[in-house]
Amino acid sequence: MAKFTFNMPDVGEGVAEAEIVEWHVKVGDAVEEDQHLVDVMTDKATIDIESPVAGSVLEVAGEVGDTIAVGAMLLVIEVEGELPEDLEQGEAEGEGEAESASVPAPDPDAESAPAPDRDTEPAPEPEPEPELEPSAAPAPEPAASRKVLASPAVRKRAKDLGIDLAEVKPAADGRVRHGDLDQFIAYNAGGGFSPAGATRADEEIKVIGLRKRIAQNMAAAKRNIPHFTYVEECDVTALEEMRADLNANRGSRPKLTLLPLLITVFCRLIPQFPMINARYDDEAGVVTRHGAV
């Protein structure tokens, strides 16, 4: 047996780190070569990372939302027998690591190192039992729910209600809709399923990936761009008369709404009030009054 340390690969030019978005394996899982291990996100894209070897997962680095530097340990996989030659140097751990790194060619050195591992194998030998765990508590179960055809709104509603979409009978085209959820809820109402009256406990949801970037930008915009609400009642009788006259002469072109007319008015008025059209830079301590709207 040998341990293979899989480091975070270089996932793009100029990328120094990546955020863990979703793990597809856990400690004790058996993995195959080229199996999907984890999704990571950089500033440029979300990337699937696959396993270069087959074996059993001994350790994973970090949880969802954590950031891992390129070249840092991502996970450790225990493989049977010896590692392939192209993976031995710098990535194999254990007693045979120093010998295989300094003298990668001689096989006897490699054989002398695994010998102590076999002495200590009575403890790892039960580790094949965790291999039964993936079959007893298979990962494919969540995959079944992912294969259900449903819109994001239906998926969110089902998640909020604690409903597994795989249990909901879809329509003839195989897609689960809100009506199918309603029927499922009504059918299970007699069994104590009452989402409407149920009180759920507070839930903390870790923000990761793209939503984390969006939240950071929204928070920065709220801090740096002055927000205010102004309400004024205006007589738009003349404006509506003009709009009706314009629409009467537009032929087959789309009819005008109030929106383009109001935007035209605001674009002419806002430059007269520069503090309304301003932005504050907290690092420089400067308010920029924009000339254009």
C-alpha atoms as a PDB file:
ATOM      1  CA  MET A   1       0.000   0.000   0.000  1.00  0.00           C
ATOM      2  CA  ALA A   2       1.184   3.528  -0.742  1.00  0.00           C
ATOM      3  CA  LYS A   3      -0.143   6.994  -0.021  1.00  0.00           C
ATOM      4  CA  PHE A   4      -0.576   9.456  -2.854  1.00  0.00           C
ATOM      5  CA  THR A   5      -0.859  13.150  -1.997  1.00  0.00           C
ATOM      6  CA  PHE A   6      -2.867  14.928  -4.656  1.00  0.00           C
ATOM      7  CA  ASN A   7      -2.000  18.631  -4.625  1.00  0.00           C
ATOM      8  CA  MET A   8      -4.163  21.416  -6.010  1.00  0.00           C
ATOM      9  CA  PRO A   9      -3.260  21.522  -9.711  1.00  0.00           C
ATOM     10  CA  ASP A  10      -2.517  24.659 -11.694  1.00  0.00           C
ATOM     11  CA  VAL A  11      -6.035  25.384 -12.934  1.00  0.00           C
ATOM     12  CA  GLY A  12      -5.243  28.424 -15.038  1.00  0.00           C
ATOM     13  CA  GLU A  13      -2.656  31.001 -15.960  1.00  0.00           C
ATOM     14  CA  GLY A  14      -2.149  33.523 -13.186  1.00  0.00           C
ATOM     15  CA  VAL A  15      -4.403  31.589 -10.763  1.00  0.00           C
ATOM     16  CA  ALA A  16      -2.821  31.240  -7.309  1.00  0.00           C
ATOM     17  CA  GLU A  17      -5.727  29.689  -5.403  1.00  0.00           C
ATOM     18  CA  ALA A  18      -9.181  28.187  -5.828  1.00  0.00           C
ATOM     19  CA  GLU A  19     -12.286  27.933  -3.665  1.00  0.00           C
ATOM     20  CA  ILE A  20     -13.838  24.548  -2.904  1.00  0.00           C
ATOM     21  CA  VAL A  21     -17.405  24.595  -4.219  1.00  0.00           C
ATOM     22  CA  GLU A  22     -18.485  20.960  -3.775  1.00  0.00           C
ATOM     23  CA  TRP A  23     -16.855  17.701  -2.662  1.00  0.00           C
ATOM     24  CA  HIS A  24     -17.965  14.566  -4.501  1.00  0.00           C
ATOM     25  CA  VAL A  25     -16.028  12.176  -2.226  1.00  0.00           C
ATOM     26  CA  LYS A  26     -15.412  11.816   1.498  1.00  0.00           C
ATOM     27  CA  VAL A  27     -12.907  10.053   3.732  1.00  0.00           C
ATOM     28  CA  GLY A  28     -13.245   6.286   3.325  1.00  0.00           C
ATOM     29  CA  ASP A  29     -14.707   6.408  -0.182  1.00  0.00           C
ATOM     30  CA  ALA A  30     -13.224   4.204  -2.881  1.00  0.00           C
ATOM     31  CA  VAL A  31     -12.353   6.169  -6.013  1.00  0.00           C
ATOM     32  CA  GLU A  32     -11.480   5.143  -9.530  1.00  0.00           C
ATOM     33  CA  GLU A  33      -8.973   6.740 -11.859  1.00  0.00           C
ATOM     34  CA  ASP A  34     -10.464   9.802 -13.612  1.00  0.00           C
ATOM     35  CA  GLN A  35     -13.361   9.882 -11.118  1.00  0.00           C
ATOM     36  CA  HIS A  36     -14.817  13.330 -10.373  1.00  0.00           C
ATOM     37  CA  LEU A  37     -13.445  14.356  -6.958  1.00  0.00           C
ATOM     38  CA  VAL A  38     -14.233  18.012  -6.330  1.00  0.00           C
ATOM     39  CA  ASP A  39     -15.462  21.221  -7.948  1.00  0.00           C
ATOM     40  CA  VAL A  40     -13.312  24.311  -7.400  1.00  0.00           C
ATOM     41  CA  MET A  41     -13.940  27.890  -8.443  1.00  0.00           C
ATOM     42  CA  THR A  42     -11.439  30.542  -9.469  1.00  0.00           C
ATOM     43  CA  ASP A  43     -12.009  34.147 -10.478  1.00  0.00           C
ATOM     44  CA  LYS A  44     -12.424  32.859 -14.034  1.00  0.00           C
ATOM     45  CA  ALA A  45     -14.435  29.626 -13.949  1.00  0.00           C
ATOM     46  CA  THR A  46     -15.688  26.586 -12.034  1.00  0.00           C
ATOM     47  CA  ILE A  47     -13.494  23.540 -12.712  1.00  0.00           C
ATOM     48  CA  ASP A  48     -14.009  19.796 -12.206  1.00  0.00           C
ATOM     49  CA  ILE A  49     -10.970  18.007 -10.752  1.00  0.00           C
ATOM     50  CA  GLU A  50     -10.581  14.269 -11.384  1.00  0.00           C
ATOM     51  CA  SER A  51      -8.509  11.612  -9.618  1.00  0.00           C
ATOM     52  CA  PRO A  52      -5.227  10.586 -11.275  1.00  0.00           C
ATOM     53  CA  VAL A  53      -5.209   7.252  -9.387  1.00  0.00           C
ATOM     54  CA  ALA A  54      -7.567   4.609  -8.020  1.00  0.00           C
ATOM     55  CA  GLY A  55      -7.683   3.902  -4.305  1.00  0.00           C
ATOM     56  CA  SER A  56      -9.312   4.909  -1.026  1.00  0.00           C
ATOM     57  CA  VAL A  57      -9.613   8.483   0.277  1.00  0.00           C
ATOM     58  CA  LEU A  58      -7.676   8.949   3.531  1.00  0.00           C
ATOM     59  CA  GLU A  59      -7.855  12.714   3.972  1.00  0.00           C
ATOM     60  CA  VAL A  60      -9.427  15.770   2.344  1.00  0.00           C
ATOM     61  CA  ALA A  61      -8.238  19.346   2.768  1.00  0.00           C
ATOM     62  CA  GLY A  62     -10.790  21.932   3.724  1.00  0.00           C
ATOM     63  CA  GLU A  63     -14.553  22.211   3.583  1.00  0.00           C
ATOM     64  CA  VAL A  64     -16.878  23.797   1.076  1.00  0.00           C
ATOM     65  CA  GLY A  65     -16.083  27.511   0.919  1.00  0.00           C
ATOM     66  CA  ASP A  66     -12.432  27.127   1.942  1.00  0.00           C
ATOM     67  CA  THR A  67      -9.667  28.429  -0.327  1.00  0.00           C
ATOM     68  CA  ILE A  68      -6.761  26.141  -1.284  1.00  0.00           C
ATOM     69  CA  ALA A  69      -3.513  27.463  -2.780  1.00  0.00           C
ATOM     70  CA  VAL A  70      -2.185  25.959  -5.994  1.00  0.00           C
ATOM     71  CA  GLY A  71       0.353  23.263  -5.035  1.00  0.00           C
ATOM     72  CA  ALA A  72      -1.111  22.721  -1.554  1.00  0.00           C
ATOM     73  CA  MET A  73      -2.478  19.354  -0.465  1.00  0.00           C
ATOM     74  CA  LEU A  74      -5.999  18.757  -1.767  1.00  0.00           C
ATOM     75  CA  LEU A  75      -6.523  15.165  -0.634  1.00  0.00           C
ATOM     76  CA  VAL A  76      -4.616  11.962   0.196  1.00  0.00           C
ATOM     77  CA  ILE A  77      -5.454   8.672  -1.523  1.00  0.00           C
ATOM     78  CA  GLU A  78      -4.235   5.237  -0.438  1.00  0.00           C
ATOM     79  CA  VAL A  79      -3.458   3.059  -3.446  1.00  0.00           C
ATOM     80  CA  GLU A  80      -2.756  -0.656  -3.637  1.00  0.00           C
ATOM     81  CA  GLY A  81       0.704  -1.752  -4.721  1.00  0.00           C
ATOM     82  CA  GLU A  82       3.220   0.749  -6.031  1.00  0.00           C
ATOM     83  CA  LEU A  83       2.518   4.133  -7.518  1.00  0.00           C
ATOM     84  CA  PRO A  84       3.063   4.650 -11.236  1.00  0.00           C
ATOM     85  CA  GLU A  85       6.544   5.975 -12.004  1.00  0.00           C
ATOM     86  CA  ASP A  86       5.200   9.309 -13.234  1.00  0.00           C
ATOM     87  CA  LEU A  87       3.484   9.875  -9.867  1.00  0.00           C
ATOM     88  CA  GLU A  88       6.162   8.602  -7.457  1.00  0.00           C
ATOM     89  CA  GLN A  89       8.433  11.597  -7.157  1.00  0.00           C
ATOM     90  CA  GLY A  90       7.287  14.303  -4.771  1.00  0.00           C
ATOM     91  CA  GLU A  91       3.787  12.873  -4.344  1.00  0.00           C
ATOM     92  CA  ALA A  92       4.253   9.537  -2.539  1.00  0.00           C
ATOM     93  CA  GLU A  93       4.308   9.633   1.255  1.00  0.00           C
ATOM     94  CA  GLY A  94       5.374   7.167   3.915  1.00  0.00           C
ATOM     95  CA  GLU A  95       8.586   5.320   4.655  1.00  0.00           C
ATOM     96  CA  GLY A  96       9.337   4.617   1.019  1.00  0.00           C
ATOM     97  CA  GLU A  97       9.101   8.268   0.037  1.00  0.00           C
ATOM     98  CA  ALA A  98      12.673   9.291   0.757  1.00  0.00           C
ATOM     99  CA  GLU A  99      14.089   6.208  -0.929  1.00  0.00           C
ATOM    100  CA  SER A 100      11.897   6.436  -4.021  1.00  0.00           C
ATOM    101  CA  ALA A 101      12.583  10.167  -4.375  1.00  0.00           C
ATOM    102  CA  SER A 102      16.350   9.826  -4.088  1.00  0.00           C
ATOM    103  CA  VAL A 103      16.681   6.560  -6.044  1.00  0.00           C
ATOM    104  CA  PRO A 104      13.520   6.178  -8.120  1.00  0.00           C
ATOM    105  CA  ALA A 105      14.895   3.379 -10.328  1.00  0.00           C
ATOM    106  CA  PRO A 106      15.794   0.534  -7.894  1.00  0.00           C
ATOM    107  CA  ASP A 107      12.792  -1.679  -7.101  1.00  0.00           C
ATOM    108  CA  PRO A 108      14.400  -3.348  -4.032  1.00  0.00           C
ATOM    109  CA  ASP A 109      14.320  -0.053  -2.124  1.00  0.00           C
ATOM    110  CA  ALA A 110      10.664   0.306  -2.920  1.00  0.00           C
ATOM    111  CA  GLU A 111      10.035  -3.271  -1.795  1.00  0.00           C
ATOM    112  CA  SER A 112      11.857  -2.717   1.489  1.00  0.00           C
ATOM    113  CA  ALA A 113       9.659   0.270   2.273  1.00  0.00           C
ATOM    114  CA  PRO A 114       6.263  -1.378   1.803  1.00  0.00           C
ATOM    115  CA  ALA A 115       7.347  -4.250   4.088  1.00  0.00           C
ATOM    116  CA  PRO A 116       6.814  -2.239   7.295  1.00  0.00           C
ATOM    117  CA  ASP A 117       3.516  -1.031   5.849  1.00  0.00           C
ATOM    118  CA  ARG A 118       2.364  -4.643   5.595  1.00  0.00           C
ATOM    119  CA  ASP A 119       3.392  -5.210   9.234  1.00  0.00           C
ATOM    120  CA  THR A 120       1.100  -2.419  10.226  1.00  0.00           C
ATOM    121  CA  GLU A 121      -1.555  -3.561   7.753  1.00  0.00           C
ATOM    122  CA  PRO A 122      -3.741  -5.330  10.356  1.00  0.00           C
ATOM    123  CA  ALA A 123      -4.966  -1.856  11.331  1.00  0.00           C
ATOM    124  CA  PRO A 124      -5.554  -0.589   7.756  1.00  0.00           C
ATOM    125  CA  GLU A 125      -7.014  -3.966   6.686  1.00  0.00           C
ATOM    126  CA  PRO A 126     -10.439  -3.054   8.041  1.00  0.00           C
ATOM    127  CA  GLU A 127     -10.264  -0.054   5.704  1.00  0.00           C
ATOM    128  CA  PRO A 128     -11.721  -2.102   2.847  1.00  0.00           C
ATOM    129  CA  GLU A 129     -14.836  -2.190   5.063  1.00  0.00           C
ATOM    130  CA  PRO A 130     -15.398   1.533   4.475  1.00  0.00           C
ATOM    131  CA  GLU A 131     -15.462   0.546   0.812  1.00  0.00           C
ATOM    132  CA  LEU A 132     -18.768  -1.135   1.691  1.00  0.00           C
ATOM    133  CA  GLU A 133     -20.043   2.170   3.005  1.00  0.00           C
ATOM    134  CA  PRO A 134     -20.315   3.746  -0.443  1.00  0.00           C
ATOM    135  CA  SER A 135     -22.426   0.759  -1.497  1.00  0.00           C
ATOM    136  CA  ALA A 136     -24.453   0.678   1.726  1.00  0.00           C
ATOM    137  CA  ALA A 137     -24.921   4.436   1.820  1.00  0.00           C
ATOM    138  CA  PRO A 138     -24.351   5.139  -1.824  1.00  0.00           C
ATOM    139  CA  ALA A 139     -23.461   8.508  -3.224  1.00  0.00           C
ATOM    140  CA  PRO A 140     -25.745   7.874  -6.230  1.00  0.00           C
ATOM    141  CA  GLU A 141     -28.768   8.649  -4.014  1.00  0.00           C
ATOM    142  CA  PRO A 142     -28.288  12.426  -4.194  1.00  0.00           C
ATOM    143  CA  ALA A 143     -27.425  11.993  -7.859  1.00  0.00           C
ATOM    144  CA  ALA A 144     -30.917  10.607  -8.415  1.00  0.00           C
ATOM    145  CA  SER A 145     -32.443  13.873  -7.267  1.00  0.00           C
ATOM    146  CA  ARG A 146     -30.143  15.805  -9.558  1.00  0.00           C
ATOM    147  CA  LYS A 147     -31.382  13.875 -12.557  1.00  0.00           C
ATOM    148  CA  VAL A 148     -34.976  14.979 -11.974  1.00  0.00           C
ATOM    149  CA  LEU A 149     -36.073  17.575 -14.515  1.00  0.00           C
ATOM    150  CA  ALA A 150     -37.383  20.667 -12.747  1.00  0.00           C
ATOM    151  CA  SER A 151     -37.019  24.428 -12.905  1.00  0.00           C
ATOM    152  CA  PRO A 152     -34.869  26.261 -10.298  1.00  0.00           C
ATOM    153  CA  ALA A 153     -38.032  27.674  -8.700  1.00  0.00           C
ATOM    154  CA  VAL A 154     -39.504  24.191  -8.265  1.00  0.00           C
ATOM    155  CA  ARG A 155     -36.197  22.872  -6.861  1.00  0.00           C
ATOM    156  CA  LYS A 156     -35.999  25.718  -4.341  1.00  0.00           C
ATOM    157  CA  ARG A 157     -39.602  25.212  -3.241  1.00  0.00           C
ATOM    158  CA  ALA A 158     -39.041  21.477  -2.824  1.00  0.00           C
ATOM    159  CA  LYS A 159     -35.863  22.118  -0.811  1.00  0.00           C
ATOM    160  CA  ASP A 160     -37.647  24.624   1.450  1.00  0.00           C
ATOM    161  CA  LEU A 161     -40.410  22.075   2.053  1.00  0.00           C
ATOM    162  CA  GLY A 162     -37.954  19.242   2.641  1.00  0.00           C
ATOM    163  CA  ILE A 163     -39.242  17.228  -0.327  1.00  0.00           C
ATOM    164  CA  ASP A 164     -37.008  14.916  -2.358  1.00  0.00           C
ATOM    165  CA  LEU A 165     -37.919  15.581  -5.990  1.00  0.00           C
ATOM    166  CA  ALA A 166     -37.080  11.971  -6.830  1.00  0.00           C
ATOM    167  CA  GLU A 167     -40.178  10.949  -4.829  1.00  0.00           C
ATOM    168  CA  VAL A 168     -42.510  13.269  -6.743  1.00  0.00           C
ATOM    169  CA  LYS A 169     -44.327  11.780  -9.731  1.00  0.00           C
ATOM    170  CA  PRO A 170     -43.554  14.015 -12.728  1.00  0.00           C
ATOM    171  CA  ALA A 171     -45.808  14.960 -15.633  1.00  0.00           C
ATOM    172  CA  ALA A 172     -45.918  12.979 -18.879  1.00  0.00           C
ATOM    173  CA  ASP A 173     -42.844  14.795 -20.229  1.00  0.00           C
ATOM    174  CA  GLY A 174     -40.813  13.793 -17.164  1.00  0.00           C
ATOM    175  CA  ARG A 175     -40.565  17.335 -15.729  1.00  0.00           C
ATOM    176  CA  VAL A 176     -41.696  18.111 -12.175  1.00  0.00           C
ATOM    177  CA  ARG A 177     -43.797  21.278 -11.937  1.00  0.00           C
ATOM    178  CA  HIS A 178     -45.450  23.196  -9.097  1.00  0.00           C
ATOM    179  CA  GLY A 179     -48.710  21.320  -9.726  1.00  0.00           C
ATOM    180  CA  ASP A 180     -46.917  18.006  -9.211  1.00  0.00           C
ATOM    181  CA  LEU A 181     -45.541  19.296  -5.910  1.00  0.00           C
ATOM    182  CA  ASP A 182     -49.047  20.379  -4.853  1.00  0.00           C
ATOM    183  CA  GLN A 183     -50.393  16.895  -5.601  1.00  0.00           C
ATOM    184  CA  PHE A 184     -47.531  15.304  -3.671  1.00  0.00           C
ATOM    185  CA  ILE A 185     -48.211  17.533  -0.651  1.00  0.00           C
ATOM    186  CA  ALA A 186     -51.960  16.863  -0.791  1.00  0.00           C
ATOM    187  CA  TYR A 187     -51.393  13.113  -1.092  1.00  0.00           C
ATOM    188  CA  ASN A 188     -49.079  13.068   1.935  1.00  0.00           C
ATOM    189  CA  ALA A 189     -51.165  15.446   4.030  1.00  0.00           C
ATOM    190  CA  GLY A 190     -52.759  12.530   5.862  1.00  0.00           C
ATOM    191  CA  GLY A 191     -49.351  11.211   6.868  1.00  0.00           C
ATOM    192  CA  GLY A 192     -48.442  14.246   8.911  1.00  0.00           C
ATOM    193  CA  PHE A 193     -46.773  16.154   6.107  1.00  0.00           C
ATOM    194  CA  SER A 194     -47.881  19.737   6.751  1.00  0.00           C
ATOM    195  CA  PRO A 195     -45.253  22.147   5.448  1.00  0.00           C
ATOM    196  CA  ALA A 196     -47.585  25.146   5.636  1.00  0.00           C
ATOM    197  CA  GLY A 197     -48.055  24.859   9.382  1.00  0.00           C
ATOM    198  CA  ALA A 198     -44.598  23.551  10.208  1.00  0.00           C
ATOM    199  CA  THR A 199     -42.190  25.883  11.987  1.00  0.00           C
ATOM    200  CA  ARG A 200     -38.637  25.463  10.780  1.00  0.00           C
ATOM    201  CA  ALA A 201     -35.609  26.234  12.900  1.00  0.00           C
ATOM    202  CA  ASP A 202     -33.185  28.960  11.890  1.00  0.00           C
ATOM    203  CA  GLU A 203     -30.776  27.803   9.212  1.00  0.00           C
ATOM    204  CA  GLU A 204     -27.325  29.176   8.434  1.00  0.00           C
ATOM    205  CA  ILE A 205     -26.310  28.747   4.787  1.00  0.00           C
ATOM    206  CA  LYS A 206     -22.672  29.176   3.845  1.00  0.00           C
ATOM    207  CA  VAL A 207     -22.325  31.441   0.818  1.00  0.00           C
ATOM    208  CA  ILE A 208     -19.837  30.045  -1.701  1.00  0.00           C
ATOM    209  CA  GLY A 209     -18.760  30.329  -5.290  1.00  0.00           C
ATOM    210  CA  LEU A 210     -20.485  32.783  -7.591  1.00  0.00           C
ATOM    211  CA  ARG A 211     -23.076  33.796  -5.003  1.00  0.00           C
ATOM    212  CA  LYS A 212     -20.242  34.765  -2.653  1.00  0.00           C
ATOM    213  CA  ARG A 213     -18.748  37.048  -5.329  1.00  0.00           C
ATOM    214  CA  ILE A 214     -22.175  38.595  -5.998  1.00  0.00           C
ATOM    215  CA  ALA A 215     -22.777  39.161  -2.278  1.00  0.00           C
ATOM    216  CA  GLN A 216     -19.363  40.820  -1.879  1.00  0.00           C
ATOM    217  CA  ASN A 217     -20.008  43.150  -4.827  1.00  0.00           C
ATOM    218  CA  MET A 218     -23.488  44.032  -3.564  1.00  0.00           C
ATOM    219  CA  ALA A 219     -22.135  44.792  -0.088  1.00  0.00           C
ATOM    220  CA  ALA A 220     -19.373  46.958  -1.595  1.00  0.00           C
ATOM    221  CA  ALA A 221     -21.909  48.805  -3.748  1.00  0.00           C
ATOM    222  CA  LYS A 222     -24.088  49.451  -0.707  1.00  0.00           C
ATOM    223  CA  ARG A 223     -21.112  50.849   1.214  1.00  0.00           C
ATOM    224  CA  ASN A 224     -19.655  53.000  -1.575  1.00  0.00           C
ATOM    225  CA  ILE A 225     -22.654  54.249  -3.561  1.00  0.00           C
ATOM    226  CA  PRO A 226     -25.055  56.547  -1.665  1.00  0.00           C
ATOM    227  CA  HIS A 227     -28.548  55.052  -1.604  1.00  0.00           C
ATOM    228  CA  PHE A 228     -31.659  57.121  -1.021  1.00  0.00           C
ATOM    229  CA  THR A 229     -35.366  57.086  -1.793  1.00  0.00           C
ATOM    230  CA  TYR A 230     -37.246  60.156  -2.961  1.00  0.00           C
ATOM    231  CA  VAL A 231     -41.013  60.259  -3.485  1.00  0.00           C
ATOM    232  CA  GLU A 232     -42.799  63.052  -5.345  1.00  0.00           C
ATOM    233  CA  GLU A 233     -46.263  63.251  -6.870  1.00  0.00           C
ATOM    234  CA  CYS A 234     -46.354  64.773 -10.351  1.00  0.00           C
ATOM    235  CA  ASP A 235     -49.162  65.616 -12.743  1.00  0.00           C
ATOM    236  CA  VAL A 236     -48.398  63.603 -15.889  1.00  0.00           C
ATOM    237  CA  THR A 237     -51.576  64.479 -17.782  1.00  0.00           C
ATOM    238  CA  ALA A 238     -49.679  66.350 -20.493  1.00  0.00           C
ATOM    239  CA  LEU A 239     -47.068  63.591 -20.655  1.00  0.00           C
ATOM    240  CA  GLU A 240     -49.736  60.927 -21.142  1.00  0.00           C
ATOM    241  CA  GLU A 241     -51.390  63.013 -23.866  1.00  0.00           C
ATOM    242  CA  MET A 242     -48.053  63.290 -25.658  1.00  0.00           C
ATOM    243  CA  ARG A 243     -47.455  59.545 -25.296  1.00  0.00           C
ATOM    244  CA  ALA A 244     -50.896  58.772 -26.741  1.00  0.00           C
ATOM    245  CA  ASP A 245     -50.197  61.070 -29.686  1.00  0.00           C
ATOM    246  CA  LEU A 246     -46.798  59.450 -30.321  1.00  0.00           C
ATOM    247  CA  ASN A 247     -48.265  55.951 -30.182  1.00  0.00           C
ATOM    248  CA  ALA A 248     -51.027  56.904 -32.630  1.00  0.00           C
ATOM    249  CA  ASN A 249     -48.390  57.623 -35.271  1.00  0.00           C
ATOM    250  CA  ARG A 250     -45.988  54.709 -34.637  1.00  0.00           C
ATOM    251  CA  GLY A 251     -47.646  52.289 -37.039  1.00  0.00           C
ATOM    252  CA  SER A 252     -46.354  48.726 -36.522  1.00  0.00           C
ATOM    253  CA  ARG A 253     -43.525  49.794 -34.213  1.00  0.00           C
ATOM    254  CA  PRO A 254     -43.758  48.900 -30.491  1.00  0.00           C
ATOM    255  CA  LYS A 255     -45.861  51.263 -28.405  1.00  0.00           C
ATOM    256  CA  LEU A 256     -44.130  53.650 -26.026  1.00  0.00           C
ATOM    257  CA  THR A 257     -44.510  53.268 -22.276  1.00  0.00           C
ATOM    258  CA  LEU A 258     -43.811  55.919 -19.650  1.00  0.00           C
ATOM    259  CA  LEU A 259     -40.368  54.462 -18.911  1.00  0.00           C
ATOM    260  CA  PRO A 260     -38.386  55.852 -21.905  1.00  0.00           C
ATOM    261  CA  LEU A 261     -39.993  59.259 -21.420  1.00  0.00           C
ATOM    262  CA  LEU A 262     -39.106  59.338 -17.704  1.00  0.00           C
ATOM    263  CA  ILE A 263     -35.527  58.213 -18.416  1.00  0.00           C
ATOM    264  CA  THR A 264     -35.149  61.079 -20.889  1.00  0.00           C
ATOM    265  CA  VAL A 265     -36.363  63.534 -18.255  1.00  0.00           C
ATOM    266  CA  PHE A 266     -34.013  62.182 -15.564  1.00  0.00           C
ATOM    267  CA  CYS A 267     -30.992  62.205 -17.893  1.00  0.00           C
ATOM    268  CA  ARG A 268     -31.549  65.918 -18.444  1.00  0.00           C
ATOM    269  CA  LEU A 269     -32.239  66.786 -14.810  1.00  0.00           C
ATOM    270  CA  ILE A 270     -29.674  64.725 -12.859  1.00  0.00           C
ATOM    271  CA  PRO A 271     -26.595  66.666 -14.140  1.00  0.00           C
ATOM    272  CA  GLN A 272     -28.098  69.727 -12.440  1.00  0.00           C
ATOM    273  CA  PHE A 273     -27.792  67.903  -9.083  1.00  0.00           C
ATOM    274  CA  PRO A 274     -24.231  66.438  -9.123  1.00  0.00           C
ATOM    275  CA  MET A 275     -24.344  64.973  -5.602  1.00  0.00           C
ATOM    276  CA  ILE A 276     -27.125  62.655  -6.739  1.00  0.00           C
ATOM    277  CA  ASN A 277     -24.848  61.385  -9.506  1.00  0.00           C
ATOM    278  CA  ALA A 278     -21.814  60.755  -7.250  1.00  0.00           C
ATOM    279  CA  ARG A 279     -19.725  57.878  -5.923  1.00  0.00           C
ATOM    280  CA  TYR A 280     -17.585  57.712  -2.771  1.00  0.00           C
ATOM    281  CA  ASP A 281     -14.174  56.003  -2.782  1.00  0.00           C
ATOM    282  CA  ASP A 282     -13.511  55.033   0.850  1.00  0.00           C
ATOM    283  CA  GLU A 283      -9.859  54.122   0.205  1.00  0.00           C
ATOM    284  CA  ALA A 284      -8.986  57.451  -1.416  1.00  0.00           C
ATOM    285  CA  GLY A 285     -11.444  59.468   0.681  1.00  0.00           C
ATOM    286  CA  VAL A 286     -12.797  61.140  -2.458  1.00  0.00           C
ATOM    287  CA  VAL A 287     -16.317  61.791  -3.755  1.00  0.00           C
ATOM    288  CA  THR A 288     -16.472  61.666  -7.561  1.00  0.00           C
ATOM    289  CA  ARG A 289     -19.260  63.677  -9.173  1.00  0.00           C
ATOM    290  CA  HIS A 290     -19.873  62.047 -12.531  1.00  0.00           C
ATOM    291  CA  GLY A 291     -20.467  64.270 -15.527  1.00  0.00           C
ATOM    292  CA  ALA A 292     -22.417  61.662 -17.498  1.00  0.00           C
ATOM    293  CA  VAL A 293     -25.484  59.886 -16.203  1.00  0.00           C
END
